[in-house]
Amino acid sequence: MTEPTTAATLKAMLAERGGAHAEASRIRLHRAISWLARAEAEADDHDARFVFLWIAFNAAYAREFALEGSAREQLNAFLAGILALDADKRIAALLLRQFSGPIRTMVANRFVFEPFWRALREHDASERWKEAFDGSGRLATRAVLEGRADAVLSIVFDRLYVLRNQLVHGGATWNSRVNREQVRDGVNILSALLPIVVALMLDHPEADFGEIHYPVLATA
C-alpha cells in the first residue's frame, strides 16, 4: 500500500471513508488533518512546523487534558494501540528507514534528553544522566535491529516530548541557532510518522480512540 504523505490525500480518504466512523472519530481525524495541512504550509519555519505537527498529533490522540505524567501515559497507550492496528508494519518500516538519519541524531542529542537538564538544574556532577543517555542509545539501536517498533517509538517520543516542552513552554528562542538540529529532526520524524498514524486510524473505523474533549456544538 502506498503511504499517504500529504494532508490533501488524507482529507480525500476521510471524505470517502468518514461515514464508517463514529462522529467523535470523524471530528478527531478532521482536526488532525487540518493541523497537518497547516504544518505543511510552514516550509521555511521549522519551529512553527513542529508546533503545528504536535497539535495535529495531539488532535489525533488526546482524550482530555491531564497532568504531565498521565498525559505521557495516554500518549504511550495511543501509540501501543496504533501499533496493534499496523498489520503491515508500516511504522516499523518507517523507523528502520529513518534510523540512519533523523531518528539516530535525535536519540544521540543530549539536549532533548530530560535527565541531562535535570542534572544541570540540580548541579549533579555524577554523570548518571550520561550513563542513562548511553544506555538509551544502545537500547534504540538494539530495538531497531530486533524490529521492536514499540521500544523505538517510546525512546523517540521521550526526546520529542522534551523538544515539545522547550518550544511550547517558551524554553527556546524562535529560530535560535543553538537548537536547529533537534527541531529539524523532530519535524522530519513527525512529518513522516503522522500521515501513517492518521491513515491507520482511517483504515480502522472499528477502533475506539475515545471521546473528544471539545465536541462540536450547534450554535444558537
N, C-alpha and C. Protein backbone atom coordinates (compact mmCIF):
# COMPACT_ATOMS: atom_id res chain seq x y z
N MET A 1 0.85 -1.20 0.00
CA MET A 1 0.00 0.00 0.00
C MET A 1 0.88 1.24 0.00
N THR A 2 0.57 2.19 -0.88
CA THR A 2 1.32 3.44 -0.93
C THR A 2 0.96 4.29 0.28
N GLU A 3 1.99 4.77 0.98
CA GLU A 3 1.73 5.55 2.18
C GLU A 3 1.24 6.95 1.80
N PRO A 4 0.15 7.42 2.40
CA PRO A 4 -0.27 8.80 2.17
C PRO A 4 0.76 9.74 2.78
N THR A 5 1.09 10.80 2.10
CA THR A 5 2.13 11.68 2.59
C THR A 5 1.66 13.11 2.80
N THR A 6 0.46 13.43 2.36
CA THR A 6 0.01 14.81 2.47
C THR A 6 -1.36 14.88 3.14
N ALA A 7 -1.63 16.06 3.69
CA ALA A 7 -2.94 16.29 4.29
C ALA A 7 -4.05 16.19 3.25
N ALA A 8 -3.77 16.63 2.03
CA ALA A 8 -4.79 16.58 0.98
C ALA A 8 -5.20 15.13 0.69
N THR A 9 -4.22 14.23 0.65
CA THR A 9 -4.52 12.81 0.43
C THR A 9 -5.38 12.27 1.56
N LEU A 10 -5.01 12.60 2.79
CA LEU A 10 -5.75 12.12 3.95
C LEU A 10 -7.16 12.72 4.00
N LYS A 11 -7.29 13.98 3.60
CA LYS A 11 -8.60 14.62 3.58
C LYS A 11 -9.53 13.91 2.60
N ALA A 12 -8.99 13.53 1.44
CA ALA A 12 -9.78 12.79 0.46
C ALA A 12 -10.19 11.42 1.00
N MET A 13 -9.27 10.78 1.72
CA MET A 13 -9.58 9.48 2.33
C MET A 13 -10.69 9.63 3.36
N LEU A 14 -10.64 10.70 4.15
CA LEU A 14 -11.67 10.92 5.16
C LEU A 14 -13.03 11.17 4.50
N ALA A 15 -13.04 11.94 3.41
CA ALA A 15 -14.29 12.21 2.71
C ALA A 15 -14.89 10.91 2.18
N GLU A 16 -14.04 10.00 1.76
CA GLU A 16 -14.50 8.73 1.19
C GLU A 16 -14.95 7.74 2.27
N ARG A 17 -14.26 7.72 3.40
CA ARG A 17 -14.50 6.68 4.40
C ARG A 17 -15.14 7.19 5.68
N GLY A 18 -15.34 8.50 5.78
CA GLY A 18 -15.81 9.07 7.04
C GLY A 18 -17.12 8.52 7.53
N GLY A 19 -17.98 8.10 6.61
CA GLY A 19 -19.28 7.57 7.01
C GLY A 19 -19.20 6.33 7.86
N ALA A 20 -18.10 5.62 7.78
CA ALA A 20 -17.93 4.39 8.57
C ALA A 20 -17.47 4.67 9.99
N HIS A 21 -17.09 5.90 10.26
CA HIS A 21 -16.55 6.27 11.57
C HIS A 21 -17.62 6.91 12.45
N ALA A 22 -17.45 6.73 13.74
CA ALA A 22 -18.30 7.43 14.71
C ALA A 22 -18.01 8.93 14.62
N GLU A 23 -18.96 9.74 15.07
CA GLU A 23 -18.81 11.19 14.96
C GLU A 23 -17.55 11.69 15.65
N ALA A 24 -17.28 11.18 16.84
CA ALA A 24 -16.09 11.64 17.58
C ALA A 24 -14.82 11.32 16.80
N SER A 25 -14.79 10.16 16.16
CA SER A 25 -13.62 9.78 15.38
C SER A 25 -13.47 10.67 14.15
N ARG A 26 -14.60 10.98 13.47
CA ARG A 26 -14.53 11.86 12.30
C ARG A 26 -14.01 13.24 12.67
N ILE A 27 -14.50 13.77 13.79
CA ILE A 27 -14.03 15.09 14.22
C ILE A 27 -12.56 15.05 14.59
N ARG A 28 -12.16 14.01 15.29
CA ARG A 28 -10.76 13.84 15.68
C ARG A 28 -9.86 13.83 14.44
N LEU A 29 -10.25 13.05 13.45
CA LEU A 29 -9.45 12.93 12.22
C LEU A 29 -9.46 14.25 11.43
N HIS A 30 -10.63 14.87 11.34
CA HIS A 30 -10.73 16.15 10.62
C HIS A 30 -9.80 17.19 11.24
N ARG A 31 -9.80 17.27 12.55
CA ARG A 31 -8.95 18.25 13.23
C ARG A 31 -7.47 17.93 13.01
N ALA A 32 -7.11 16.68 13.15
CA ALA A 32 -5.70 16.29 12.96
C ALA A 32 -5.23 16.64 11.55
N ILE A 33 -6.05 16.32 10.56
CA ILE A 33 -5.67 16.59 9.17
C ILE A 33 -5.58 18.10 8.91
N SER A 34 -6.46 18.88 9.53
CA SER A 34 -6.41 20.33 9.33
C SER A 34 -5.10 20.91 9.86
N TRP A 35 -4.63 20.43 10.99
CA TRP A 35 -3.38 20.94 11.55
C TRP A 35 -2.17 20.41 10.79
N LEU A 36 -2.29 19.19 10.25
CA LEU A 36 -1.22 18.68 9.39
C LEU A 36 -1.09 19.56 8.15
N ALA A 37 -2.22 19.96 7.57
CA ALA A 37 -2.18 20.86 6.41
C ALA A 37 -1.53 22.18 6.78
N ARG A 38 -1.84 22.70 7.97
CA ARG A 38 -1.23 23.96 8.40
C ARG A 38 0.28 23.79 8.57
N ALA A 39 0.71 22.65 9.09
CA ALA A 39 2.14 22.39 9.25
C ALA A 39 2.83 22.34 7.89
N GLU A 40 2.18 21.72 6.91
CA GLU A 40 2.77 21.62 5.58
C GLU A 40 3.00 22.99 4.94
N ALA A 41 2.20 23.97 5.35
CA ALA A 41 2.33 25.31 4.78
C ALA A 41 3.54 26.05 5.32
N GLU A 42 4.14 25.54 6.40
CA GLU A 42 5.30 26.20 7.02
C GLU A 42 6.60 25.57 6.52
N ALA A 43 6.89 25.76 5.26
CA ALA A 43 8.07 25.13 4.68
C ALA A 43 9.37 25.73 5.20
N ASP A 44 9.35 26.99 5.59
CA ASP A 44 10.59 27.69 5.96
C ASP A 44 10.73 27.96 7.45
N ASP A 45 9.71 27.68 8.24
CA ASP A 45 9.77 27.94 9.68
C ASP A 45 9.63 26.61 10.42
N HIS A 46 10.75 26.01 10.77
CA HIS A 46 10.73 24.69 11.40
C HIS A 46 10.13 24.72 12.80
N ASP A 47 10.33 25.81 13.54
CA ASP A 47 9.73 25.91 14.86
C ASP A 47 8.20 25.85 14.75
N ALA A 48 7.63 26.68 13.88
CA ALA A 48 6.19 26.70 13.70
C ALA A 48 5.69 25.35 13.16
N ARG A 49 6.45 24.78 12.23
CA ARG A 49 6.02 23.50 11.66
C ARG A 49 5.97 22.40 12.73
N PHE A 50 6.97 22.38 13.60
CA PHE A 50 6.96 21.36 14.65
C PHE A 50 5.75 21.56 15.57
N VAL A 51 5.48 22.80 15.97
CA VAL A 51 4.35 23.06 16.86
C VAL A 51 3.04 22.64 16.21
N PHE A 52 2.86 22.96 14.93
CA PHE A 52 1.62 22.57 14.24
C PHE A 52 1.53 21.05 14.10
N LEU A 53 2.64 20.40 13.85
CA LEU A 53 2.63 18.94 13.77
C LEU A 53 2.26 18.33 15.11
N TRP A 54 2.77 18.93 16.19
CA TRP A 54 2.43 18.39 17.52
C TRP A 54 0.95 18.60 17.82
N ILE A 55 0.40 19.75 17.43
CA ILE A 55 -1.04 19.96 17.62
C ILE A 55 -1.83 18.92 16.83
N ALA A 56 -1.39 18.63 15.61
CA ALA A 56 -2.06 17.61 14.80
C ALA A 56 -2.02 16.26 15.49
N PHE A 57 -0.87 15.92 16.05
CA PHE A 57 -0.73 14.65 16.75
C PHE A 57 -1.62 14.63 17.99
N ASN A 58 -1.65 15.75 18.70
CA ASN A 58 -2.50 15.86 19.88
C ASN A 58 -3.97 15.69 19.52
N ALA A 59 -4.37 16.29 18.40
CA ALA A 59 -5.76 16.16 17.95
C ALA A 59 -6.11 14.71 17.67
N ALA A 60 -5.12 13.95 17.19
CA ALA A 60 -5.36 12.55 16.85
C ALA A 60 -5.53 11.67 18.09
N TYR A 61 -4.78 11.96 19.16
CA TYR A 61 -4.78 11.00 20.27
C TYR A 61 -5.43 11.48 21.57
N ALA A 62 -5.46 12.79 21.82
CA ALA A 62 -5.84 13.26 23.15
C ALA A 62 -7.32 13.00 23.45
N ARG A 63 -7.57 12.56 24.67
CA ARG A 63 -8.94 12.37 25.13
C ARG A 63 -9.35 13.50 26.08
N GLU A 64 -8.44 13.92 26.92
CA GLU A 64 -8.71 15.02 27.83
C GLU A 64 -7.38 15.54 28.33
N PHE A 65 -7.38 16.76 28.82
CA PHE A 65 -6.16 17.31 29.38
C PHE A 65 -5.90 16.63 30.72
N ALA A 66 -4.62 16.44 31.01
CA ALA A 66 -4.26 15.70 32.22
C ALA A 66 -2.94 16.23 32.75
N LEU A 67 -2.56 15.73 33.91
CA LEU A 67 -1.25 16.06 34.44
C LEU A 67 -0.17 15.50 33.54
N GLU A 68 1.04 16.05 33.64
CA GLU A 68 2.13 15.67 32.73
C GLU A 68 2.33 14.16 32.69
N GLY A 69 2.38 13.51 33.85
CA GLY A 69 2.63 12.07 33.88
C GLY A 69 1.56 11.29 33.18
N SER A 70 0.29 11.59 33.49
CA SER A 70 -0.80 10.84 32.87
C SER A 70 -0.94 11.19 31.39
N ALA A 71 -0.53 12.39 30.99
CA ALA A 71 -0.54 12.74 29.56
C ALA A 71 0.42 11.85 28.80
N ARG A 72 1.57 11.59 29.37
CA ARG A 72 2.53 10.69 28.73
C ARG A 72 1.99 9.27 28.68
N GLU A 73 1.32 8.85 29.73
CA GLU A 73 0.73 7.51 29.74
C GLU A 73 -0.33 7.40 28.65
N GLN A 74 -1.11 8.47 28.48
CA GLN A 74 -2.13 8.50 27.44
C GLN A 74 -1.50 8.37 26.05
N LEU A 75 -0.41 9.10 25.85
CA LEU A 75 0.30 9.03 24.58
C LEU A 75 0.84 7.63 24.33
N ASN A 76 1.46 7.03 25.35
CA ASN A 76 2.03 5.69 25.20
C ASN A 76 0.93 4.66 24.88
N ALA A 77 -0.22 4.81 25.53
CA ALA A 77 -1.33 3.89 25.27
C ALA A 77 -1.83 4.05 23.84
N PHE A 78 -1.89 5.29 23.36
CA PHE A 78 -2.32 5.54 21.98
C PHE A 78 -1.35 4.89 20.99
N LEU A 79 -0.05 5.08 21.22
CA LEU A 79 0.94 4.51 20.31
C LEU A 79 0.86 2.99 20.30
N ALA A 80 0.65 2.39 21.47
CA ALA A 80 0.51 0.93 21.53
C ALA A 80 -0.70 0.48 20.72
N GLY A 81 -1.79 1.23 20.82
CA GLY A 81 -2.98 0.89 20.05
C GLY A 81 -2.78 1.02 18.56
N ILE A 82 -2.08 2.07 18.14
CA ILE A 82 -1.79 2.27 16.71
C ILE A 82 -0.91 1.14 16.18
N LEU A 83 0.10 0.76 16.94
CA LEU A 83 0.98 -0.33 16.51
C LEU A 83 0.20 -1.64 16.39
N ALA A 84 -0.77 -1.85 17.26
CA ALA A 84 -1.57 -3.07 17.20
C ALA A 84 -2.41 -3.11 15.92
N LEU A 85 -2.77 -1.94 15.39
CA LEU A 85 -3.55 -1.88 14.15
C LEU A 85 -2.67 -2.01 12.90
N ASP A 86 -1.38 -1.85 13.07
CA ASP A 86 -0.45 -1.76 11.94
C ASP A 86 0.02 -3.14 11.48
N ALA A 87 -0.91 -3.89 10.89
CA ALA A 87 -0.61 -5.25 10.47
C ALA A 87 0.49 -5.31 9.41
N ASP A 88 0.58 -4.29 8.58
CA ASP A 88 1.58 -4.27 7.51
C ASP A 88 2.93 -3.72 7.95
N LYS A 89 3.05 -3.39 9.25
CA LYS A 89 4.32 -2.91 9.82
C LYS A 89 4.84 -1.65 9.11
N ARG A 90 3.92 -0.77 8.75
CA ARG A 90 4.34 0.46 8.06
C ARG A 90 5.17 1.37 8.96
N ILE A 91 4.78 1.44 10.23
CA ILE A 91 5.54 2.28 11.16
C ILE A 91 6.92 1.68 11.41
N ALA A 92 7.00 0.36 11.57
CA ALA A 92 8.30 -0.28 11.78
C ALA A 92 9.21 -0.04 10.58
N ALA A 93 8.65 -0.12 9.38
CA ALA A 93 9.45 0.11 8.17
C ALA A 93 9.94 1.55 8.12
N LEU A 94 9.07 2.50 8.51
CA LEU A 94 9.47 3.90 8.54
C LEU A 94 10.62 4.12 9.53
N LEU A 95 10.49 3.55 10.72
CA LEU A 95 11.52 3.72 11.74
C LEU A 95 12.85 3.14 11.27
N LEU A 96 12.80 2.01 10.58
CA LEU A 96 14.03 1.39 10.09
C LEU A 96 14.68 2.28 9.03
N ARG A 97 13.85 2.85 8.13
CA ARG A 97 14.38 3.72 7.08
C ARG A 97 15.00 4.98 7.67
N GLN A 98 14.35 5.54 8.68
CA GLN A 98 14.79 6.82 9.21
C GLN A 98 15.84 6.69 10.31
N PHE A 99 16.14 5.48 10.75
CA PHE A 99 17.04 5.36 11.90
C PHE A 99 18.45 5.83 11.57
N SER A 100 18.84 5.72 10.32
CA SER A 100 20.19 6.18 9.96
C SER A 100 20.24 7.69 9.81
N GLY A 101 19.07 8.36 9.89
CA GLY A 101 19.02 9.82 9.72
C GLY A 101 18.49 10.51 10.95
N PRO A 102 17.29 11.13 10.84
CA PRO A 102 16.80 11.99 11.94
C PRO A 102 16.57 11.26 13.25
N ILE A 103 16.17 9.99 13.21
CA ILE A 103 15.93 9.29 14.47
C ILE A 103 17.24 9.06 15.21
N ARG A 104 18.26 8.62 14.50
CA ARG A 104 19.55 8.39 15.14
C ARG A 104 20.11 9.68 15.74
N THR A 105 20.05 10.76 14.99
CA THR A 105 20.61 12.00 15.52
C THR A 105 19.76 12.56 16.65
N MET A 106 18.43 12.36 16.61
CA MET A 106 17.58 12.79 17.71
C MET A 106 17.91 12.02 18.98
N VAL A 107 18.06 10.70 18.85
CA VAL A 107 18.37 9.87 20.01
C VAL A 107 19.75 10.21 20.57
N ALA A 108 20.65 10.63 19.71
CA ALA A 108 22.02 10.93 20.13
C ALA A 108 22.21 12.37 20.59
N ASN A 109 21.13 13.13 20.69
CA ASN A 109 21.22 14.55 21.04
C ASN A 109 20.88 14.74 22.52
N ARG A 110 21.86 15.09 23.35
CA ARG A 110 21.62 15.20 24.78
C ARG A 110 20.69 16.36 25.14
N PHE A 111 20.54 17.32 24.23
CA PHE A 111 19.72 18.49 24.53
C PHE A 111 18.22 18.20 24.48
N VAL A 112 17.83 17.00 24.06
CA VAL A 112 16.43 16.59 24.15
C VAL A 112 16.31 15.35 25.04
N PHE A 113 17.24 15.22 25.99
CA PHE A 113 17.22 14.12 26.96
C PHE A 113 16.97 14.75 28.33
N GLU A 114 15.78 14.53 28.88
CA GLU A 114 15.37 15.23 30.09
C GLU A 114 16.34 15.03 31.27
N PRO A 115 16.89 13.82 31.51
CA PRO A 115 17.82 13.68 32.64
C PRO A 115 19.05 14.59 32.53
N PHE A 116 19.46 14.95 31.32
CA PHE A 116 20.58 15.89 31.16
C PHE A 116 20.22 17.24 31.78
N TRP A 117 19.04 17.74 31.47
CA TRP A 117 18.61 19.03 32.00
C TRP A 117 18.35 18.95 33.50
N ARG A 118 17.82 17.81 33.97
CA ARG A 118 17.59 17.66 35.40
C ARG A 118 18.91 17.70 36.17
N ALA A 119 19.92 17.03 35.64
CA ALA A 119 21.23 17.04 36.29
C ALA A 119 21.81 18.45 36.31
N LEU A 120 21.58 19.20 35.23
CA LEU A 120 22.07 20.57 35.17
C LEU A 120 21.37 21.45 36.21
N ARG A 121 20.05 21.30 36.32
CA ARG A 121 19.29 22.10 37.28
C ARG A 121 19.67 21.77 38.72
N GLU A 122 19.95 20.49 38.97
CA GLU A 122 20.24 20.05 40.32
C GLU A 122 21.73 20.05 40.64
N HIS A 123 22.55 20.57 39.71
CA HIS A 123 24.01 20.63 39.90
C HIS A 123 24.59 19.24 40.24
N ASP A 124 24.07 18.25 39.54
CA ASP A 124 24.50 16.86 39.74
C ASP A 124 25.68 16.57 38.83
N ALA A 125 26.86 16.44 39.42
CA ALA A 125 28.08 16.22 38.64
C ALA A 125 28.43 14.74 38.52
N SER A 126 27.53 13.86 38.92
CA SER A 126 27.84 12.43 38.94
C SER A 126 27.87 11.81 37.55
N GLU A 127 27.28 12.46 36.57
CA GLU A 127 27.16 11.97 35.19
C GLU A 127 26.31 10.70 35.09
N ARG A 128 25.42 10.51 36.08
CA ARG A 128 24.48 9.39 35.95
C ARG A 128 23.59 9.57 34.73
N TRP A 129 23.30 10.85 34.39
CA TRP A 129 22.48 11.10 33.21
C TRP A 129 23.14 10.55 31.97
N LYS A 130 24.49 10.63 31.91
CA LYS A 130 25.21 10.16 30.73
C LYS A 130 25.14 8.64 30.61
N GLU A 131 25.18 7.96 31.73
CA GLU A 131 25.03 6.50 31.69
C GLU A 131 23.65 6.13 31.14
N ALA A 132 22.61 6.85 31.63
CA ALA A 132 21.26 6.59 31.13
C ALA A 132 21.13 6.95 29.66
N PHE A 133 21.78 8.04 29.27
CA PHE A 133 21.75 8.51 27.88
C PHE A 133 22.38 7.48 26.95
N ASP A 134 23.56 7.01 27.32
CA ASP A 134 24.25 6.00 26.50
C ASP A 134 23.45 4.70 26.45
N GLY A 135 22.85 4.33 27.59
CA GLY A 135 22.03 3.12 27.61
C GLY A 135 20.80 3.24 26.73
N SER A 136 20.21 4.43 26.70
CA SER A 136 19.05 4.66 25.84
C SER A 136 19.42 4.53 24.37
N GLY A 137 20.59 5.04 24.00
CA GLY A 137 21.04 4.92 22.62
C GLY A 137 21.28 3.48 22.22
N ARG A 138 21.89 2.72 23.12
CA ARG A 138 22.13 1.29 22.83
C ARG A 138 20.81 0.54 22.70
N LEU A 139 19.86 0.88 23.57
CA LEU A 139 18.56 0.22 23.53
C LEU A 139 17.85 0.51 22.21
N ALA A 140 17.93 1.77 21.75
CA ALA A 140 17.28 2.14 20.49
C ALA A 140 17.90 1.36 19.33
N THR A 141 19.22 1.26 19.30
CA THR A 141 19.89 0.53 18.23
C THR A 141 19.48 -0.94 18.24
N ARG A 142 19.48 -1.54 19.43
CA ARG A 142 19.11 -2.95 19.53
C ARG A 142 17.65 -3.15 19.14
N ALA A 143 16.78 -2.22 19.55
CA ALA A 143 15.36 -2.35 19.22
C ALA A 143 15.12 -2.29 17.72
N VAL A 144 15.87 -1.43 17.02
CA VAL A 144 15.74 -1.35 15.56
C VAL A 144 16.18 -2.66 14.93
N LEU A 145 17.31 -3.19 15.38
CA LEU A 145 17.82 -4.45 14.82
C LEU A 145 16.85 -5.60 15.07
N GLU A 146 16.13 -5.55 16.18
CA GLU A 146 15.19 -6.61 16.53
C GLU A 146 13.78 -6.33 16.01
N GLY A 147 13.60 -5.18 15.35
CA GLY A 147 12.29 -4.85 14.80
C GLY A 147 11.25 -4.50 15.84
N ARG A 148 11.67 -3.98 16.99
CA ARG A 148 10.75 -3.65 18.09
C ARG A 148 10.34 -2.18 17.97
N ALA A 149 9.32 -1.96 17.15
CA ALA A 149 8.88 -0.59 16.89
C ALA A 149 8.38 0.09 18.15
N ASP A 150 7.79 -0.67 19.08
CA ASP A 150 7.27 -0.06 20.31
C ASP A 150 8.38 0.57 21.12
N ALA A 151 9.51 -0.12 21.24
CA ALA A 151 10.62 0.41 22.02
C ALA A 151 11.24 1.63 21.34
N VAL A 152 11.37 1.57 20.02
CA VAL A 152 11.95 2.71 19.28
C VAL A 152 11.05 3.93 19.43
N LEU A 153 9.73 3.74 19.25
CA LEU A 153 8.80 4.86 19.37
C LEU A 153 8.84 5.46 20.78
N SER A 154 8.93 4.62 21.79
CA SER A 154 8.97 5.12 23.16
C SER A 154 10.18 6.02 23.38
N ILE A 155 11.33 5.60 22.90
CA ILE A 155 12.55 6.39 23.06
C ILE A 155 12.46 7.68 22.24
N VAL A 156 11.99 7.56 21.01
CA VAL A 156 11.88 8.74 20.14
C VAL A 156 10.93 9.77 20.74
N PHE A 157 9.79 9.31 21.27
CA PHE A 157 8.83 10.26 21.83
C PHE A 157 9.29 10.83 23.17
N ASP A 158 10.15 10.11 23.88
CA ASP A 158 10.78 10.73 25.05
C ASP A 158 11.53 12.00 24.62
N ARG A 159 12.26 11.90 23.52
CA ARG A 159 13.03 13.04 23.01
C ARG A 159 12.10 14.12 22.44
N LEU A 160 11.11 13.70 21.64
CA LEU A 160 10.20 14.66 21.04
C LEU A 160 9.41 15.42 22.10
N TYR A 161 9.08 14.76 23.21
CA TYR A 161 8.32 15.42 24.25
C TYR A 161 9.13 16.52 24.92
N VAL A 162 10.44 16.29 25.09
CA VAL A 162 11.30 17.33 25.64
C VAL A 162 11.36 18.52 24.68
N LEU A 163 11.50 18.24 23.38
CA LEU A 163 11.52 19.30 22.38
C LEU A 163 10.20 20.05 22.38
N ARG A 164 9.11 19.34 22.48
CA ARG A 164 7.79 19.97 22.56
C ARG A 164 7.72 20.92 23.75
N ASN A 165 8.20 20.47 24.91
CA ASN A 165 8.17 21.32 26.10
C ASN A 165 9.04 22.56 25.92
N GLN A 166 10.19 22.38 25.30
CA GLN A 166 11.08 23.52 25.09
C GLN A 166 10.41 24.60 24.24
N LEU A 167 9.73 24.19 23.20
CA LEU A 167 9.11 25.15 22.29
C LEU A 167 7.80 25.71 22.84
N VAL A 168 6.92 24.83 23.30
CA VAL A 168 5.58 25.26 23.71
C VAL A 168 5.63 26.05 25.01
N HIS A 169 6.55 25.71 25.91
CA HIS A 169 6.62 26.40 27.19
C HIS A 169 7.65 27.53 27.21
N GLY A 170 8.10 27.95 26.03
CA GLY A 170 8.98 29.10 25.96
C GLY A 170 10.39 28.83 26.44
N GLY A 171 10.83 27.58 26.37
CA GLY A 171 12.18 27.24 26.81
C GLY A 171 13.20 27.30 25.69
N ALA A 172 12.83 27.92 24.59
CA ALA A 172 13.75 28.08 23.46
C ALA A 172 13.42 29.38 22.74
N THR A 173 14.39 29.92 22.06
CA THR A 173 14.20 31.12 21.27
C THR A 173 13.73 30.75 19.87
N TRP A 174 12.77 31.49 19.34
CA TRP A 174 12.33 31.21 17.98
C TRP A 174 13.51 31.35 17.01
N ASN A 175 13.64 30.36 16.13
CA ASN A 175 14.66 30.36 15.09
C ASN A 175 16.07 30.48 15.67
N SER A 176 16.25 29.94 16.87
CA SER A 176 17.56 30.01 17.53
C SER A 176 18.60 29.19 16.77
N ARG A 177 19.82 29.66 16.81
CA ARG A 177 20.91 28.92 16.17
C ARG A 177 21.32 27.69 16.97
N VAL A 178 20.97 27.63 18.27
CA VAL A 178 21.52 26.57 19.12
C VAL A 178 20.66 25.31 19.16
N ASN A 179 19.47 25.33 18.57
CA ASN A 179 18.65 24.12 18.63
C ASN A 179 18.11 23.69 17.26
N ARG A 180 18.76 24.12 16.20
CA ARG A 180 18.26 23.82 14.85
C ARG A 180 18.22 22.33 14.57
N GLU A 181 19.25 21.60 15.02
CA GLU A 181 19.33 20.18 14.66
C GLU A 181 18.15 19.40 15.21
N GLN A 182 17.84 19.57 16.49
CA GLN A 182 16.75 18.79 17.06
C GLN A 182 15.38 19.21 16.52
N VAL A 183 15.21 20.50 16.23
CA VAL A 183 13.93 20.94 15.65
C VAL A 183 13.76 20.36 14.25
N ARG A 184 14.82 20.40 13.46
CA ARG A 184 14.75 19.84 12.10
C ARG A 184 14.47 18.34 12.15
N ASP A 185 15.16 17.63 13.04
CA ASP A 185 14.93 16.19 13.15
C ASP A 185 13.51 15.89 13.62
N GLY A 186 13.02 16.67 14.59
CA GLY A 186 11.66 16.48 15.07
C GLY A 186 10.63 16.67 13.97
N VAL A 187 10.82 17.69 13.15
CA VAL A 187 9.93 17.94 12.02
C VAL A 187 9.97 16.77 11.04
N ASN A 188 11.15 16.29 10.72
CA ASN A 188 11.28 15.19 9.77
C ASN A 188 10.60 13.92 10.28
N ILE A 189 10.76 13.65 11.57
CA ILE A 189 10.16 12.44 12.14
C ILE A 189 8.64 12.55 12.15
N LEU A 190 8.12 13.64 12.69
CA LEU A 190 6.66 13.78 12.78
C LEU A 190 6.01 13.91 11.42
N SER A 191 6.67 14.58 10.47
CA SER A 191 6.11 14.73 9.12
C SER A 191 5.94 13.39 8.44
N ALA A 192 6.84 12.45 8.72
CA ALA A 192 6.76 11.13 8.11
C ALA A 192 5.81 10.21 8.88
N LEU A 193 5.80 10.34 10.21
CA LEU A 193 5.03 9.42 11.04
C LEU A 193 3.55 9.76 11.09
N LEU A 194 3.22 11.03 11.19
CA LEU A 194 1.83 11.42 11.41
C LEU A 194 0.89 10.98 10.30
N PRO A 195 1.24 11.13 9.01
CA PRO A 195 0.32 10.65 7.97
C PRO A 195 0.03 9.15 8.08
N ILE A 196 1.01 8.36 8.48
CA ILE A 196 0.78 6.92 8.63
C ILE A 196 -0.17 6.66 9.79
N VAL A 197 0.02 7.38 10.90
CA VAL A 197 -0.86 7.22 12.06
C VAL A 197 -2.30 7.56 11.68
N VAL A 198 -2.50 8.69 11.01
CA VAL A 198 -3.85 9.10 10.63
C VAL A 198 -4.46 8.10 9.64
N ALA A 199 -3.64 7.61 8.70
CA ALA A 199 -4.15 6.63 7.73
C ALA A 199 -4.58 5.34 8.43
N LEU A 200 -3.83 4.91 9.43
CA LEU A 200 -4.21 3.71 10.19
C LEU A 200 -5.52 3.92 10.93
N MET A 201 -5.70 5.11 11.48
CA MET A 201 -6.98 5.42 12.13
C MET A 201 -8.12 5.39 11.12
N LEU A 202 -7.87 5.93 9.93
CA LEU A 202 -8.89 5.92 8.88
C LEU A 202 -9.22 4.50 8.44
N ASP A 203 -8.21 3.65 8.42
CA ASP A 203 -8.39 2.27 7.97
C ASP A 203 -9.18 1.42 8.95
N HIS A 204 -9.32 1.90 10.20
CA HIS A 204 -9.93 1.07 11.25
C HIS A 204 -11.04 1.82 11.97
N PRO A 205 -12.19 1.97 11.29
CA PRO A 205 -13.31 2.68 11.92
C PRO A 205 -13.83 1.98 13.17
N GLU A 206 -13.50 0.70 13.33
CA GLU A 206 -13.96 -0.04 14.50
C GLU A 206 -13.16 0.28 15.75
N ALA A 207 -12.00 0.89 15.58
CA ALA A 207 -11.14 1.19 16.73
C ALA A 207 -11.73 2.33 17.55
N ASP A 208 -11.64 2.19 18.86
CA ASP A 208 -12.18 3.20 19.76
C ASP A 208 -11.05 4.07 20.29
N PHE A 209 -11.01 5.31 19.85
CA PHE A 209 -9.98 6.24 20.32
C PHE A 209 -10.51 7.19 21.38
N GLY A 210 -11.71 6.91 21.88
CA GLY A 210 -12.26 7.68 22.98
C GLY A 210 -13.01 8.92 22.52
N GLU A 211 -13.69 9.52 23.48
CA GLU A 211 -14.43 10.74 23.20
C GLU A 211 -13.49 11.93 23.11
N ILE A 212 -13.84 12.90 22.29
CA ILE A 212 -13.06 14.11 22.19
C ILE A 212 -13.45 15.06 23.34
N HIS A 213 -12.48 15.83 23.80
CA HIS A 213 -12.72 16.67 24.98
C HIS A 213 -13.57 17.89 24.63
N TYR A 214 -13.43 18.39 23.40
CA TYR A 214 -14.20 19.55 22.97
C TYR A 214 -15.02 19.19 21.73
N PRO A 215 -16.23 18.65 21.93
CA PRO A 215 -17.06 18.30 20.77
C PRO A 215 -17.57 19.55 20.06
N VAL A 216 -18.02 19.35 18.84
CA VAL A 216 -18.61 20.44 18.08
C VAL A 216 -20.05 20.63 18.54
N LEU A 217 -20.40 21.86 18.90
CA LEU A 217 -21.74 22.16 19.39
C LEU A 217 -22.46 23.05 18.39
N ALA A 218 -23.74 22.79 18.24
CA ALA A 218 -24.55 23.63 17.34
C ALA A 218 -24.71 25.02 17.97
N THR A 219 -24.56 26.05 17.16
CA THR A 219 -24.72 27.40 17.67
C THR A 219 -26.19 27.79 17.68
N ALA A 220 -26.54 28.62 18.64
CA ALA A 220 -27.95 29.03 18.75
C ALA A 220 -28.33 29.98 17.63
